[in-house]
Protein backbone atom coordinates (compact mmCIF):
# COMPACT_ATOMS: atom_id res chain seq x y z
CA MET A 1 39.82 30.63 76.23
CA THR A 2 40.44 32.53 79.65
CA SER A 3 42.13 36.14 79.85
CA ALA A 4 44.79 34.20 82.03
CA THR A 5 45.31 32.02 79.38
CA GLN A 6 45.43 34.29 76.76
CA ALA A 7 47.86 36.76 78.76
CA THR A 8 50.60 33.89 78.18
CA THR A 9 49.55 32.92 74.61
CA PRO A 10 52.34 34.12 72.18
CA ALA A 11 51.28 36.36 69.34
CA LEU A 12 53.28 37.99 66.60
CA LEU A 13 52.47 41.20 64.49
CA VAL A 14 53.84 41.08 60.90
CA LEU A 15 54.20 44.28 58.82
CA GLU A 16 54.52 43.97 55.12
CA ASP A 17 57.61 45.64 54.92
CA GLY A 18 59.21 42.75 57.08
CA ARG A 19 59.21 44.26 60.43
CA ALA A 20 57.57 42.06 63.03
CA PHE A 21 56.45 42.63 67.00
CA ARG A 22 56.36 39.72 69.49
CA GLY A 23 53.73 40.14 72.26
CA ARG A 24 50.89 38.20 73.90
CA ALA A 25 47.14 37.49 72.50
CA TYR A 26 44.78 40.11 73.21
CA GLY A 27 41.07 39.39 72.64
CA ALA A 28 40.38 36.38 70.42
CA VAL A 29 43.16 34.04 69.31
CA GLY A 30 43.48 33.41 65.88
CA GLU A 31 44.99 35.36 62.81
CA THR A 32 43.50 38.45 60.65
CA PHE A 33 44.86 40.78 58.13
CA GLY A 34 44.15 44.76 57.53
CA GLU A 35 46.01 47.93 57.19
CA ALA A 36 47.99 49.07 60.28
CA VAL A 37 47.05 52.40 61.37
CA PHE A 38 47.46 54.26 64.69
CA ALA A 39 44.92 56.24 66.80
CA THR A 40 45.95 58.92 69.12
CA GLY A 41 43.35 59.31 71.37
CA MET A 42 44.08 58.92 75.24
CA THR A 43 40.30 57.94 75.79
CA GLY A 44 37.29 56.70 73.62
CA TYR A 45 38.19 53.11 72.71
CA GLN A 46 35.23 51.83 72.86
CA GLU A 47 33.74 54.37 70.06
CA THR A 48 36.99 53.84 67.99
CA LEU A 49 36.28 49.94 67.91
CA THR A 50 33.03 50.46 67.02
CA ASP A 51 33.33 52.96 64.44
CA PRO A 52 32.59 51.49 60.88
CA SER A 53 35.28 53.78 59.23
CA TYR A 54 38.02 51.31 60.77
CA HIS A 55 36.35 48.38 58.73
CA ARG A 56 39.74 46.50 57.42
CA GLN A 57 42.17 47.99 59.58
CA VAL A 58 44.47 46.74 62.33
CA VAL A 59 44.31 49.69 64.86
CA VAL A 60 47.70 50.72 67.16
CA MET A 61 46.36 51.97 70.48
CA THR A 62 49.29 55.02 71.17
CA ALA A 63 48.00 55.62 74.51
CA PRO A 64 50.14 53.28 76.68
CA HIS A 65 46.99 51.97 78.81
CA VAL A 66 43.95 50.44 77.05
CA GLY A 67 40.45 49.09 79.00
CA ASN A 68 41.00 50.82 82.11
CA THR A 69 37.00 51.98 81.86
CA GLY A 70 36.35 48.58 80.51
CA VAL A 71 33.07 48.15 78.36
CA ASN A 72 29.51 49.50 78.77
CA ASP A 73 26.15 49.24 76.32
CA GLU A 74 25.79 52.74 75.76
CA ASP A 75 28.84 54.10 74.19
CA PRO A 76 29.25 52.04 71.14
CA GLU A 77 28.60 53.98 67.86
CA SER A 78 27.57 51.18 65.90
CA ALA A 79 26.11 47.33 66.74
CA ARG A 80 29.34 45.64 66.33
CA ILE A 81 33.31 46.15 66.80
CA TRP A 82 34.45 46.93 62.97
CA VAL A 83 38.30 46.92 63.33
CA ALA A 84 40.45 43.95 61.51
CA GLY A 85 42.95 43.85 64.65
CA TYR A 86 43.31 45.65 67.68
CA VAL A 87 47.32 46.60 69.26
CA VAL A 88 47.82 47.43 72.69
CA ARG A 89 50.98 47.81 75.04
CA ASP A 90 49.77 47.34 78.78
CA PRO A 91 46.12 46.28 78.67
CA ALA A 92 44.01 46.67 82.39
CA ARG A 93 44.13 43.89 84.19
CA VAL A 94 40.81 45.15 86.20
CA PRO A 95 38.43 47.59 84.58
CA SER A 96 37.45 50.43 87.00
CA ASN A 97 34.14 52.50 85.83
CA TRP A 98 30.85 52.70 87.45
CA ARG A 99 29.39 52.26 84.11
CA SER A 100 31.52 49.13 83.17
CA VAL A 101 29.70 45.77 82.56
CA ARG A 102 32.65 43.73 81.07
CA SER A 103 36.30 43.91 80.50
CA LEU A 104 37.85 45.01 76.99
CA ASP A 105 39.19 41.72 76.49
CA GLN A 106 36.17 39.92 77.00
CA GLU A 107 34.52 41.84 74.19
CA LEU A 108 37.13 41.58 71.78
CA THR A 109 37.12 37.78 72.80
CA ALA A 110 32.87 37.35 72.47
CA GLN A 111 33.05 39.54 68.88
CA GLY A 112 35.84 37.30 67.51
CA VAL A 113 38.48 40.35 67.56
CA VAL A 114 42.01 39.24 67.16
CA GLY A 115 44.46 41.20 69.10
CA ILE A 116 47.83 41.38 70.66
CA SER A 117 49.15 43.04 73.62
CA GLY A 118 52.76 43.95 75.44
CA VAL A 119 53.96 45.52 71.88
CA ASP A 120 56.04 48.75 72.30
CA THR A 121 53.55 50.67 70.33
CA ARG A 122 55.83 53.96 70.68
CA ALA A 123 58.21 51.80 68.26
CA LEU A 124 55.45 50.65 66.06
CA THR A 125 53.88 54.24 65.96
CA ARG A 126 57.29 55.84 64.91
CA HIS A 127 57.68 53.07 61.96
CA LEU A 128 54.33 53.60 60.64
CA ARG A 129 55.10 57.44 60.61
CA GLU A 130 58.23 57.11 58.87
CA ARG A 131 57.25 54.11 56.48
CA GLY A 132 53.53 54.88 56.13
CA ALA A 133 50.38 52.82 57.12
CA MET A 134 51.01 49.14 55.65
CA ARG A 135 49.33 46.00 55.26
CA ALA A 136 49.53 43.77 58.37
CA GLY A 137 48.88 40.58 60.13
CA ILE A 138 48.21 39.41 63.98
CA PHE A 139 48.81 35.80 64.30
CA SER A 140 48.29 33.80 67.85
CA GLY A 141 48.23 30.68 69.35
CA PRO A 142 50.48 28.20 70.81
CA ALA A 143 52.28 27.20 67.17
CA LEU A 144 53.29 30.11 65.13
CA ALA A 145 54.04 29.57 61.51
CA ASP A 146 57.84 30.75 60.71
CA GLU A 147 57.94 34.68 59.99
CA PRO A 148 58.57 34.41 56.39
CA THR A 149 55.54 32.27 55.66
CA LEU A 150 53.50 34.88 57.59
CA LEU A 151 54.88 37.88 55.58
CA ALA A 152 54.11 36.38 52.68
CA ARG A 153 50.34 35.72 53.59
CA VAL A 154 50.36 39.45 54.97
CA ARG A 155 51.60 40.73 51.45
CA ALA A 156 48.83 38.61 49.56
CA ALA A 157 46.27 40.48 51.67
CA PRO A 158 44.22 43.10 49.98
CA ARG A 159 45.21 46.95 50.11
CA MET A 160 43.30 49.56 51.11
CA THR A 161 43.83 51.49 47.77
CA GLY A 162 41.32 50.75 45.36
CA ALA A 163 38.71 49.37 47.96
CA ASP A 164 35.02 50.16 47.97
CA LEU A 165 33.99 49.34 51.49
CA ALA A 166 31.02 51.41 52.22
CA PRO A 167 28.25 48.84 51.04
CA GLU A 168 29.82 46.59 53.34
CA VAL A 169 29.50 48.88 56.42
CA ALA A 170 26.40 50.38 55.40
CA THR A 171 22.66 49.43 56.68
CA ALA A 172 20.68 47.30 54.53
CA GLU A 173 17.58 48.55 55.11
CA PRO A 174 16.23 52.24 55.53
CA TYR A 175 15.60 53.38 59.57
CA LEU A 176 14.32 56.75 61.16
CA VAL A 177 15.83 58.26 63.87
CA PRO A 178 13.18 60.60 65.04
CA ALA A 179 13.31 64.40 66.13
CA LEU A 180 13.66 64.92 70.05
CA GLY A 181 10.97 67.14 70.60
CA ARG A 182 9.41 69.32 68.13
CA LYS A 183 10.30 68.01 64.50
CA ARG A 184 11.62 71.09 62.19
CA PHE A 185 13.09 69.10 59.32
CA THR A 186 13.75 66.22 57.49
CA VAL A 187 16.90 65.13 56.78
CA ALA A 188 18.12 62.05 54.14
CA ALA A 189 21.23 60.63 55.53
CA VAL A 190 23.18 58.34 53.22
CA ASP A 191 25.10 55.63 55.24
CA LEU A 192 28.51 55.01 54.01
CA GLY A 193 29.44 53.95 57.72
CA ILE A 194 27.50 56.13 59.60
CA LYS A 195 28.11 56.47 63.36
CA GLY A 196 25.30 56.29 65.80
CA MET A 197 25.80 59.75 67.40
CA THR A 198 25.65 61.68 64.03
CA PRO A 199 21.77 60.99 63.70
CA HIS A 200 21.54 61.73 67.42
CA ARG A 201 23.15 64.90 66.93
CA MET A 202 20.65 65.92 63.97
CA ALA A 203 17.74 64.56 66.08
CA GLU A 204 19.14 66.59 69.23
CA ARG A 205 18.25 70.00 66.85
CA GLY A 206 14.78 68.62 65.99
CA ILE A 207 15.42 66.82 62.81
CA ASP A 208 13.93 63.56 61.44
CA VAL A 209 16.62 61.71 59.86
CA HIS A 210 16.14 58.90 57.38
CA VAL A 211 19.52 56.85 57.43
CA LEU A 212 19.72 55.42 54.03
CA PRO A 213 21.66 52.36 52.26
CA ALA A 214 24.87 53.44 50.61
CA THR A 215 23.21 52.12 47.18
CA ALA A 216 20.36 54.35 47.65
CA THR A 217 18.99 55.93 44.64
CA LEU A 218 18.36 59.93 44.11
CA ASP A 219 14.91 58.75 43.71
CA GLU A 220 15.04 56.78 47.08
CA VAL A 221 16.75 60.10 48.57
CA TYR A 222 13.74 62.53 47.79
CA ALA A 223 11.25 59.89 48.49
CA VAL A 224 11.53 61.41 51.88
CA SER A 225 10.79 64.77 50.89
CA PRO A 226 14.12 66.34 52.41
CA ASP A 227 15.03 69.66 53.64
CA GLY A 228 18.49 68.57 53.36
CA VAL A 229 20.83 65.64 52.66
CA PHE A 230 23.68 64.14 54.65
CA PHE A 231 26.59 62.24 53.46
CA SER A 232 28.27 60.28 56.49
CA ASN A 233 31.75 59.36 57.27
CA GLY A 234 33.02 55.60 56.26
CA PRO A 235 36.03 53.18 55.09
CA GLY A 236 37.66 52.60 51.64
CA ASP A 237 39.32 54.71 48.66
CA PRO A 238 36.88 57.58 47.60
CA ALA A 239 38.20 57.09 44.20
CA ALA A 240 36.49 53.87 44.11
CA ALA A 241 33.33 54.96 45.67
CA ALA A 242 31.44 55.64 42.21
CA HIS A 243 27.93 55.43 43.15
CA PRO A 244 27.93 57.95 46.01
CA VAL A 245 29.79 60.39 43.93
CA GLU A 246 27.06 60.17 41.54
CA LEU A 247 24.31 60.47 43.89
CA MET A 248 26.16 63.58 45.62
CA ARG A 249 25.98 65.31 41.93
CA GLY A 250 22.42 64.60 41.74
CA VAL A 251 21.71 66.38 44.92
CA LEU A 252 24.03 69.18 43.87
CA ASP A 253 22.08 69.46 41.06
CA ARG A 254 18.94 69.86 42.69
CA ARG A 255 20.30 72.41 44.97
CA THR A 256 19.28 70.83 48.16
CA PRO A 257 21.13 71.78 51.55
CA LEU A 258 23.91 69.28 51.57
CA PHE A 259 26.51 68.16 54.62
CA GLY A 260 28.94 65.81 54.23
CA ILE A 261 31.78 64.48 56.92
CA CYS A 262 34.90 62.54 56.34
CA PHE A 263 34.48 60.07 53.65
CA GLY A 264 31.42 62.61 53.01
CA ASN A 265 34.03 65.16 52.21
CA GLN A 266 36.07 63.27 50.01
CA ILE A 267 32.89 62.52 47.92
CA LEU A 268 31.80 65.82 47.41
CA GLY A 269 35.35 66.64 46.56
CA ARG A 270 35.34 64.22 43.93
CA ALA A 271 31.87 65.20 42.95
CA LEU A 272 33.06 68.65 42.35
CA GLY A 273 36.08 67.22 39.97
CA PHE A 274 38.71 67.14 42.62
CA GLY A 275 40.87 64.52 42.95
CA THR A 276 41.54 62.45 46.38
CA PHE A 277 44.81 61.11 47.79
CA LYS A 278 46.02 58.58 49.95
CA LEU A 279 47.92 60.03 53.31
CA LYS A 280 50.97 58.51 54.25
CA TYR A 281 49.83 57.60 57.86
CA GLY A 282 46.71 59.14 57.93
CA HIS A 283 44.85 61.40 60.90
CA ARG A 284 42.96 59.47 63.70
CA GLY A 285 42.64 60.44 66.79
CA ILE A 286 40.63 63.33 69.00
CA ASN A 287 43.60 65.75 69.23
CA GLN A 288 43.91 67.13 65.89
CA PRO A 289 44.46 71.01 65.24
CA VAL A 290 42.27 72.45 62.30
CA LYS A 291 41.76 75.90 61.10
CA ASP A 292 38.70 77.75 60.19
CA LEU A 293 39.97 80.01 57.46
CA ALA A 294 36.71 82.04 57.68
CA THR A 295 37.52 82.87 61.38
CA GLY A 296 40.60 81.71 62.24
CA ARG A 297 39.55 79.98 64.87
CA VAL A 298 41.09 77.07 65.47
CA GLU A 299 39.33 73.72 66.55
CA VAL A 300 40.49 70.45 68.40
CA THR A 301 38.74 67.88 66.24
CA ALA A 302 38.40 63.95 65.97
CA HIS A 303 39.66 62.27 63.00
CA ASN A 304 39.85 59.37 61.39
CA HIS A 305 40.84 59.48 57.59
CA GLY A 306 43.55 57.92 55.27
CA PHE A 307 42.60 60.05 52.09
CA ALA A 308 42.26 63.43 51.42
CA VAL A 309 40.83 65.73 48.82
CA ASP A 310 43.75 67.39 46.35
CA ALA A 311 42.04 71.09 46.08
CA PRO A 312 43.83 74.44 46.25
CA LEU A 313 44.26 76.49 49.25
CA ASP A 314 45.17 79.55 47.95
CA ARG A 315 42.17 80.42 45.61
CA ASP A 316 38.28 79.54 44.97
CA SER A 317 37.88 77.04 42.23
CA ASP A 318 35.33 77.08 39.53
CA THR A 319 33.75 73.62 39.47
CA PRO A 320 30.77 72.26 37.32
CA HIS A 321 28.63 72.93 40.42
CA GLY A 322 29.68 76.41 41.33
CA ARG A 323 32.81 78.28 42.88
CA THR A 324 34.13 75.89 45.63
CA ARG A 325 36.44 77.18 48.77
CA VAL A 326 38.63 75.33 50.87
CA SER A 327 37.25 76.50 54.33
CA HIS A 328 39.48 74.61 56.84
CA VAL A 329 42.93 73.01 56.86
CA CYS A 330 44.94 70.64 59.35
CA LEU A 331 47.48 72.57 60.83
CA ASN A 332 49.89 69.66 61.03
CA ASP A 333 50.12 69.32 57.71
CA ASN A 334 48.09 71.69 55.63
CA VAL A 335 45.32 68.58 54.24
CA VAL A 336 42.27 70.23 53.11
CA GLU A 337 39.68 69.62 56.18
CA GLY A 338 36.79 71.08 54.84
CA LEU A 339 34.64 72.42 51.41
CA ARG A 340 32.23 74.76 50.88
CA LEU A 341 30.28 75.83 47.98
CA LEU A 342 29.95 79.66 47.19
CA ASP A 343 26.92 79.51 44.84
CA ARG A 344 24.97 76.83 46.59
CA PRO A 345 23.96 75.09 49.76
CA ALA A 346 26.50 72.75 50.32
CA PHE A 347 29.87 72.24 52.65
CA SER A 348 31.80 69.56 54.04
CA VAL A 349 34.21 68.42 56.59
CA GLN A 350 36.92 66.06 56.56
CA TYR A 351 36.39 65.62 60.88
CA HIS A 352 33.91 64.29 63.21
CA PRO A 353 31.73 67.19 64.65
CA GLU A 354 29.69 64.44 66.25
CA ALA A 355 32.72 63.29 68.42
CA ALA A 356 31.14 61.19 70.83
CA ALA A 357 34.35 60.78 72.86
CA GLY A 358 34.96 64.47 72.39
CA PRO A 359 36.02 67.08 71.79
CA HIS A 360 32.82 69.21 70.59
CA ASP A 361 34.84 72.03 69.18
CA ALA A 362 33.29 71.19 66.23
CA ALA A 363 29.37 70.70 66.97
CA TYR A 364 28.30 73.83 65.46
CA LEU A 365 28.54 72.58 62.09
CA PHE A 366 25.20 70.57 62.86
CA ASP A 367 23.87 74.32 63.65
CA ARG A 368 25.45 75.54 60.07
CA PHE A 369 23.42 72.79 58.29
CA VAL A 370 20.01 73.70 60.42
CA SER A 371 20.95 77.28 59.05
CA LEU A 372 21.29 76.20 55.49
CA MET A 373 17.86 74.55 55.92
CA GLU A 374 16.30 77.44 57.10
CA GLY A 375 17.60 79.85 54.36
CA GLU A 376 16.34 77.41 51.46
CA ARG A 377 13.00 77.29 53.37
CA ALA A 378 12.91 80.88 54.07
């Protein structure tokens, strides 16, 4: 189907609470289901689409104009688009960028991603903020079924709560991202939905990164003789991720330097005995303010999470693995954005320090990980 045909093909977005938005097909024509969430970045849509953390989510872009810079082959964070569906207001008619090799709608069509355009994404975002993230379906084609029938199908779709999704997006086989320049350390990175820029940021610091499947055992982690262990971002409910939690406890028992981001932060929280909970509408975008409680410094950071750690902000906590302190908080809602162990070399943050689409305020966290490994080696 050509772009011109898609632009006139009717499409319908149906939310599980019964609200519906009409528009036009964008990308593949068909149907899809997922959790409707909104992302606030004005740029970086290619990195968003290919972030495995968005698996089974219908992403609403709050920026009104999407697709202006087209698609290139250098910026993807993984080998495919992971979003379940895509919602935009005004798609670019013609991409304009010297790096562009094809248009965004061509890429969505080629990968079978069902989207919808012409939607009032401001109204949709306000609705999701008020009612919370919820299941949704996008339906397109010349003959759409009646809304009650489509609504029933949306309500029959699986929820995000209780979903163990990391094994669905993680690598099936281990692979190595070699250090750039002189090798200084070896890190075992547990892939829970890792973005391509993350091992690259470590490689830039002289680290050989062994990326391991989400199902890796403790023996497999230590088979690479790691100086440090890393737990990545990823999709799903951390309460359903029993294996990564037990794996992290094993790493903590061995007192190996440990760093977790995003889903890895939630896994650390659960490994320490804290609970996790689902946020009303989550944090997604590249403009989220986070305060480092140790320094008072405020960082503008990239986020993609719908769950958070339930840990006290006003005091240190005694855990089976030593005293733990909340290190960072979100200034929008006081959600826990980082944890630091006081008696062992381990820390985590809820956001993305690799931030391929920017900003780069948090890049120093990779240097902090290096410092932990230097300290243990000394």
